[in-house]
Amino acid sequence: IKNDNSGSLSLFHSTSGQKTDFVSTVTKAIELLNFFSAERAEIRLSEFQRLTGRDKTTTYRYLSALESSGLLEQDETTRAYRMGPAVLRFSHIRELTVPRRA
């Protein structure tokens, strides 16, 4: 996941060039977003490790990609991650374009 500085997110190919590896990596990174909730608004790296069962380096790599795309941001004091501004942008687009059900 990459931010192209226009506020848009784009996907780029992995160095291995294998589409399935790339999709799997993107999926695993985005899955981290599912751990957030109203009760769990901030999550530290160590907690992500525990929740996912993945090693620290891999987890950090996914978090860094999500942070660089704006989907996550990291609190400078606590070092915990929280939802980033890109989430609001996507939410706003959905609200404008998807009709609500009665």
N, C-alpha and C. Protein backbone atom coordinates (compact mmCIF):
# COMPACT_ATOMS: atom_id res chain seq x y z
N ILE A 1 0.87 -1.16 0.00
CA ILE A 1 0.00 0.00 0.00
C ILE A 1 0.90 1.21 0.00
N LYS A 2 0.59 2.15 -0.85
CA LYS A 2 1.48 3.31 -0.99
C LYS A 2 0.65 4.56 -1.18
N ASN A 3 1.03 5.63 -0.53
CA ASN A 3 0.37 6.91 -0.69
C ASN A 3 1.13 7.67 -1.77
N ASP A 4 0.43 8.11 -2.81
CA ASP A 4 1.11 8.79 -3.92
C ASP A 4 1.14 10.30 -3.75
N ASN A 5 0.95 10.77 -2.50
CA ASN A 5 0.98 12.19 -2.14
C ASN A 5 -0.19 12.99 -2.70
N SER A 6 -1.12 12.37 -3.38
CA SER A 6 -2.30 13.08 -3.87
C SER A 6 -3.49 12.79 -2.96
N GLY A 7 -3.24 12.03 -1.91
CA GLY A 7 -4.32 11.64 -1.02
C GLY A 7 -4.93 10.32 -1.44
N SER A 8 -4.45 9.75 -2.56
CA SER A 8 -4.95 8.48 -3.04
C SER A 8 -4.01 7.36 -2.62
N LEU A 9 -4.59 6.19 -2.44
CA LEU A 9 -3.80 5.04 -2.10
C LEU A 9 -3.64 4.18 -3.34
N SER A 10 -2.47 3.61 -3.50
CA SER A 10 -2.24 2.72 -4.63
C SER A 10 -1.52 1.48 -4.15
N LEU A 11 -1.67 0.40 -4.88
CA LEU A 11 -1.00 -0.84 -4.58
C LEU A 11 0.17 -0.99 -5.53
N PHE A 12 1.27 -1.55 -5.04
CA PHE A 12 2.42 -1.76 -5.91
C PHE A 12 2.82 -3.22 -5.83
N HIS A 13 3.50 -3.70 -6.85
CA HIS A 13 3.87 -5.10 -6.91
C HIS A 13 5.04 -5.40 -6.00
N SER A 14 5.01 -6.58 -5.41
CA SER A 14 6.11 -7.00 -4.56
C SER A 14 7.32 -7.33 -5.42
N THR A 15 8.49 -7.36 -4.80
CA THR A 15 9.70 -7.65 -5.55
C THR A 15 9.70 -9.07 -6.09
N SER A 16 8.95 -9.96 -5.47
CA SER A 16 8.90 -11.33 -5.97
C SER A 16 8.10 -11.42 -7.26
N GLY A 17 7.24 -10.45 -7.50
CA GLY A 17 6.45 -10.44 -8.72
C GLY A 17 5.32 -11.43 -8.71
N GLN A 18 5.11 -12.14 -7.64
CA GLN A 18 4.04 -13.13 -7.59
C GLN A 18 2.79 -12.49 -7.03
N LYS A 19 1.75 -12.49 -7.87
CA LYS A 19 0.51 -11.84 -7.51
C LYS A 19 -0.09 -12.41 -6.23
N THR A 20 -0.06 -13.71 -6.06
CA THR A 20 -0.67 -14.31 -4.87
C THR A 20 0.06 -13.89 -3.60
N ASP A 21 1.39 -13.79 -3.65
CA ASP A 21 2.14 -13.33 -2.48
C ASP A 21 1.77 -11.89 -2.15
N PHE A 22 1.63 -11.08 -3.19
CA PHE A 22 1.30 -9.67 -3.01
C PHE A 22 -0.08 -9.53 -2.39
N VAL A 23 -1.05 -10.23 -2.92
CA VAL A 23 -2.42 -10.14 -2.40
C VAL A 23 -2.45 -10.63 -0.96
N SER A 24 -1.73 -11.69 -0.67
CA SER A 24 -1.68 -12.21 0.69
C SER A 24 -1.08 -11.19 1.64
N THR A 25 -0.02 -10.52 1.22
CA THR A 25 0.62 -9.51 2.05
C THR A 25 -0.31 -8.34 2.30
N VAL A 26 -0.98 -7.87 1.27
CA VAL A 26 -1.93 -6.76 1.41
C VAL A 26 -3.06 -7.17 2.34
N THR A 27 -3.58 -8.36 2.16
CA THR A 27 -4.67 -8.85 3.00
C THR A 27 -4.25 -8.91 4.47
N LYS A 28 -3.06 -9.43 4.73
CA LYS A 28 -2.59 -9.52 6.11
C LYS A 28 -2.40 -8.15 6.74
N ALA A 29 -1.92 -7.20 5.96
CA ALA A 29 -1.76 -5.84 6.49
C ALA A 29 -3.12 -5.23 6.80
N ILE A 30 -4.04 -5.35 5.89
CA ILE A 30 -5.37 -4.75 6.09
C ILE A 30 -6.14 -5.45 7.21
N GLU A 31 -5.88 -6.74 7.42
CA GLU A 31 -6.53 -7.46 8.51
C GLU A 31 -6.23 -6.83 9.87
N LEU A 32 -5.09 -6.17 9.99
CA LEU A 32 -4.75 -5.52 11.26
C LEU A 32 -5.78 -4.47 11.64
N LEU A 33 -6.41 -3.85 10.64
CA LEU A 33 -7.42 -2.82 10.91
C LEU A 33 -8.63 -3.40 11.63
N ASN A 34 -8.91 -4.69 11.41
CA ASN A 34 -10.07 -5.32 12.04
C ASN A 34 -9.94 -5.47 13.55
N PHE A 35 -8.75 -5.29 14.09
CA PHE A 35 -8.58 -5.38 15.54
C PHE A 35 -9.02 -4.12 16.27
N PHE A 36 -9.22 -3.04 15.55
CA PHE A 36 -9.67 -1.80 16.18
C PHE A 36 -11.17 -1.85 16.45
N SER A 37 -11.56 -1.22 17.54
CA SER A 37 -12.98 -1.11 17.91
C SER A 37 -13.13 0.12 18.79
N ALA A 38 -14.36 0.42 19.17
CA ALA A 38 -14.59 1.56 20.06
C ALA A 38 -13.90 1.31 21.41
N GLU A 39 -13.84 0.04 21.83
CA GLU A 39 -13.21 -0.31 23.09
C GLU A 39 -11.69 -0.40 22.96
N ARG A 40 -11.20 -0.62 21.76
CA ARG A 40 -9.76 -0.77 21.51
C ARG A 40 -9.36 0.19 20.40
N ALA A 41 -9.31 1.48 20.73
CA ALA A 41 -9.03 2.52 19.74
C ALA A 41 -7.55 2.67 19.44
N GLU A 42 -6.69 2.22 20.34
CA GLU A 42 -5.24 2.29 20.15
C GLU A 42 -4.64 0.93 20.48
N ILE A 43 -3.68 0.52 19.65
CA ILE A 43 -3.04 -0.78 19.83
C ILE A 43 -1.53 -0.64 19.63
N ARG A 44 -0.78 -1.16 20.56
CA ARG A 44 0.69 -1.11 20.47
C ARG A 44 1.20 -2.30 19.65
N LEU A 45 2.42 -2.18 19.17
CA LEU A 45 3.04 -3.23 18.37
C LEU A 45 3.00 -4.58 19.08
N SER A 46 3.36 -4.59 20.36
CA SER A 46 3.39 -5.85 21.11
C SER A 46 2.01 -6.51 21.18
N GLU A 47 0.96 -5.68 21.28
CA GLU A 47 -0.39 -6.24 21.31
C GLU A 47 -0.78 -6.79 19.94
N PHE A 48 -0.41 -6.09 18.87
CA PHE A 48 -0.65 -6.62 17.52
C PHE A 48 0.05 -7.97 17.35
N GLN A 49 1.27 -8.07 17.85
CA GLN A 49 2.00 -9.33 17.78
C GLN A 49 1.21 -10.45 18.47
N ARG A 50 0.74 -10.16 19.66
CA ARG A 50 -0.01 -11.15 20.43
C ARG A 50 -1.30 -11.52 19.71
N LEU A 51 -2.02 -10.52 19.20
CA LEU A 51 -3.30 -10.76 18.54
C LEU A 51 -3.16 -11.57 17.25
N THR A 52 -2.08 -11.33 16.51
CA THR A 52 -1.91 -11.99 15.21
C THR A 52 -1.07 -13.26 15.28
N GLY A 53 -0.22 -13.36 16.27
CA GLY A 53 0.69 -14.49 16.34
C GLY A 53 1.85 -14.37 15.37
N ARG A 54 2.03 -13.19 14.79
CA ARG A 54 3.13 -12.96 13.85
C ARG A 54 4.34 -12.40 14.58
N ASP A 55 5.51 -12.52 13.94
CA ASP A 55 6.72 -12.00 14.56
C ASP A 55 6.74 -10.47 14.50
N LYS A 56 7.61 -9.89 15.33
CA LYS A 56 7.67 -8.43 15.48
C LYS A 56 8.03 -7.73 14.17
N THR A 57 9.01 -8.26 13.44
CA THR A 57 9.47 -7.62 12.21
C THR A 57 8.36 -7.58 11.16
N THR A 58 7.68 -8.69 10.97
CA THR A 58 6.59 -8.75 9.99
C THR A 58 5.45 -7.83 10.38
N THR A 59 5.07 -7.88 11.65
CA THR A 59 3.98 -7.03 12.13
C THR A 59 4.33 -5.56 11.95
N TYR A 60 5.56 -5.19 12.29
CA TYR A 60 6.00 -3.80 12.14
C TYR A 60 5.97 -3.38 10.67
N ARG A 61 6.37 -4.26 9.78
CA ARG A 61 6.38 -3.95 8.35
C ARG A 61 4.95 -3.65 7.86
N TYR A 62 3.99 -4.46 8.28
CA TYR A 62 2.59 -4.22 7.90
C TYR A 62 2.09 -2.90 8.48
N LEU A 63 2.39 -2.66 9.75
CA LEU A 63 1.96 -1.42 10.39
C LEU A 63 2.57 -0.20 9.71
N SER A 64 3.83 -0.30 9.35
CA SER A 64 4.51 0.81 8.67
C SER A 64 3.87 1.11 7.33
N ALA A 65 3.50 0.08 6.59
CA ALA A 65 2.84 0.27 5.29
C ALA A 65 1.48 0.95 5.48
N LEU A 66 0.73 0.51 6.48
CA LEU A 66 -0.57 1.12 6.76
C LEU A 66 -0.41 2.57 7.23
N GLU A 67 0.63 2.82 8.00
CA GLU A 67 0.89 4.18 8.47
C GLU A 67 1.30 5.10 7.31
N SER A 68 2.15 4.61 6.43
CA SER A 68 2.60 5.46 5.31
C SER A 68 1.47 5.76 4.34
N SER A 69 0.44 4.92 4.33
CA SER A 69 -0.72 5.16 3.46
C SER A 69 -1.78 6.02 4.12
N GLY A 70 -1.61 6.32 5.41
CA GLY A 70 -2.58 7.13 6.12
C GLY A 70 -3.70 6.34 6.77
N LEU A 71 -3.68 5.01 6.62
CA LEU A 71 -4.72 4.21 7.24
C LEU A 71 -4.52 4.08 8.74
N LEU A 72 -3.29 4.22 9.19
CA LEU A 72 -2.97 4.23 10.62
C LEU A 72 -2.08 5.43 10.91
N GLU A 73 -2.08 5.83 12.16
CA GLU A 73 -1.11 6.81 12.63
C GLU A 73 -0.64 6.33 13.99
N GLN A 74 0.56 6.78 14.37
CA GLN A 74 1.14 6.35 15.63
C GLN A 74 1.26 7.53 16.58
N ASP A 75 0.78 7.33 17.80
CA ASP A 75 0.89 8.35 18.82
C ASP A 75 2.36 8.52 19.19
N GLU A 76 2.85 9.74 19.14
CA GLU A 76 4.27 10.00 19.40
C GLU A 76 4.67 9.70 20.84
N THR A 77 3.75 9.83 21.76
CA THR A 77 4.05 9.60 23.18
C THR A 77 3.94 8.13 23.55
N THR A 78 2.79 7.52 23.26
CA THR A 78 2.55 6.13 23.68
C THR A 78 3.07 5.11 22.69
N ARG A 79 3.35 5.53 21.46
CA ARG A 79 3.79 4.66 20.36
C ARG A 79 2.71 3.69 19.92
N ALA A 80 1.48 3.85 20.43
CA ALA A 80 0.35 3.01 20.02
C ALA A 80 -0.18 3.50 18.68
N TYR A 81 -0.74 2.57 17.92
CA TYR A 81 -1.32 2.90 16.62
C TYR A 81 -2.82 3.13 16.78
N ARG A 82 -3.34 4.01 15.94
CA ARG A 82 -4.78 4.28 15.90
C ARG A 82 -5.17 4.51 14.44
N MET A 83 -6.46 4.51 14.17
CA MET A 83 -6.95 4.73 12.82
C MET A 83 -6.45 6.08 12.31
N GLY A 84 -6.05 6.11 11.05
CA GLY A 84 -5.52 7.33 10.46
C GLY A 84 -6.56 8.08 9.65
N PRO A 85 -6.18 9.23 9.11
CA PRO A 85 -7.12 10.08 8.39
C PRO A 85 -7.66 9.48 7.10
N ALA A 86 -6.95 8.55 6.49
CA ALA A 86 -7.44 7.95 5.25
C ALA A 86 -8.74 7.17 5.49
N VAL A 87 -8.89 6.63 6.70
CA VAL A 87 -10.11 5.90 7.03
C VAL A 87 -11.31 6.83 6.95
N LEU A 88 -11.15 8.06 7.43
CA LEU A 88 -12.25 9.04 7.36
C LEU A 88 -12.59 9.37 5.91
N ARG A 89 -11.57 9.50 5.09
CA ARG A 89 -11.79 9.79 3.68
C ARG A 89 -12.61 8.69 3.02
N PHE A 90 -12.24 7.44 3.28
CA PHE A 90 -12.98 6.31 2.70
C PHE A 90 -14.41 6.27 3.24
N SER A 91 -14.55 6.54 4.53
CA SER A 91 -15.88 6.55 5.14
C SER A 91 -16.76 7.63 4.51
N HIS A 92 -16.18 8.80 4.29
CA HIS A 92 -16.92 9.90 3.68
C HIS A 92 -17.37 9.54 2.26
N ILE A 93 -16.48 8.95 1.49
CA ILE A 93 -16.82 8.54 0.12
C ILE A 93 -17.96 7.53 0.15
N ARG A 94 -17.89 6.57 1.05
CA ARG A 94 -18.95 5.56 1.14
C ARG A 94 -20.29 6.21 1.49
N GLU A 95 -20.28 7.11 2.46
CA GLU A 95 -21.51 7.78 2.86
C GLU A 95 -22.13 8.57 1.72
N LEU A 96 -21.29 9.15 0.88
CA LEU A 96 -21.79 9.94 -0.25
C LEU A 96 -22.28 9.08 -1.41
N THR A 97 -21.76 7.88 -1.53
CA THR A 97 -22.03 7.10 -2.74
C THR A 97 -22.87 5.86 -2.55
N VAL A 98 -23.03 5.38 -1.34
CA VAL A 98 -23.80 4.17 -1.10
C VAL A 98 -25.10 4.54 -0.41
N PRO A 99 -26.21 4.24 -1.06
CA PRO A 99 -27.51 4.59 -0.45
C PRO A 99 -27.74 3.84 0.85
N ARG A 100 -28.34 4.52 1.80
CA ARG A 100 -28.69 3.89 3.07
C ARG A 100 -29.95 3.07 2.90
N ARG A 101 -29.99 1.97 3.63
CA ARG A 101 -31.19 1.12 3.61
C ARG A 101 -32.15 1.58 4.68
N ALA A 102 -33.41 1.54 4.35
CA ALA A 102 -34.44 1.99 5.30
C ALA A 102 -34.72 0.97 6.36
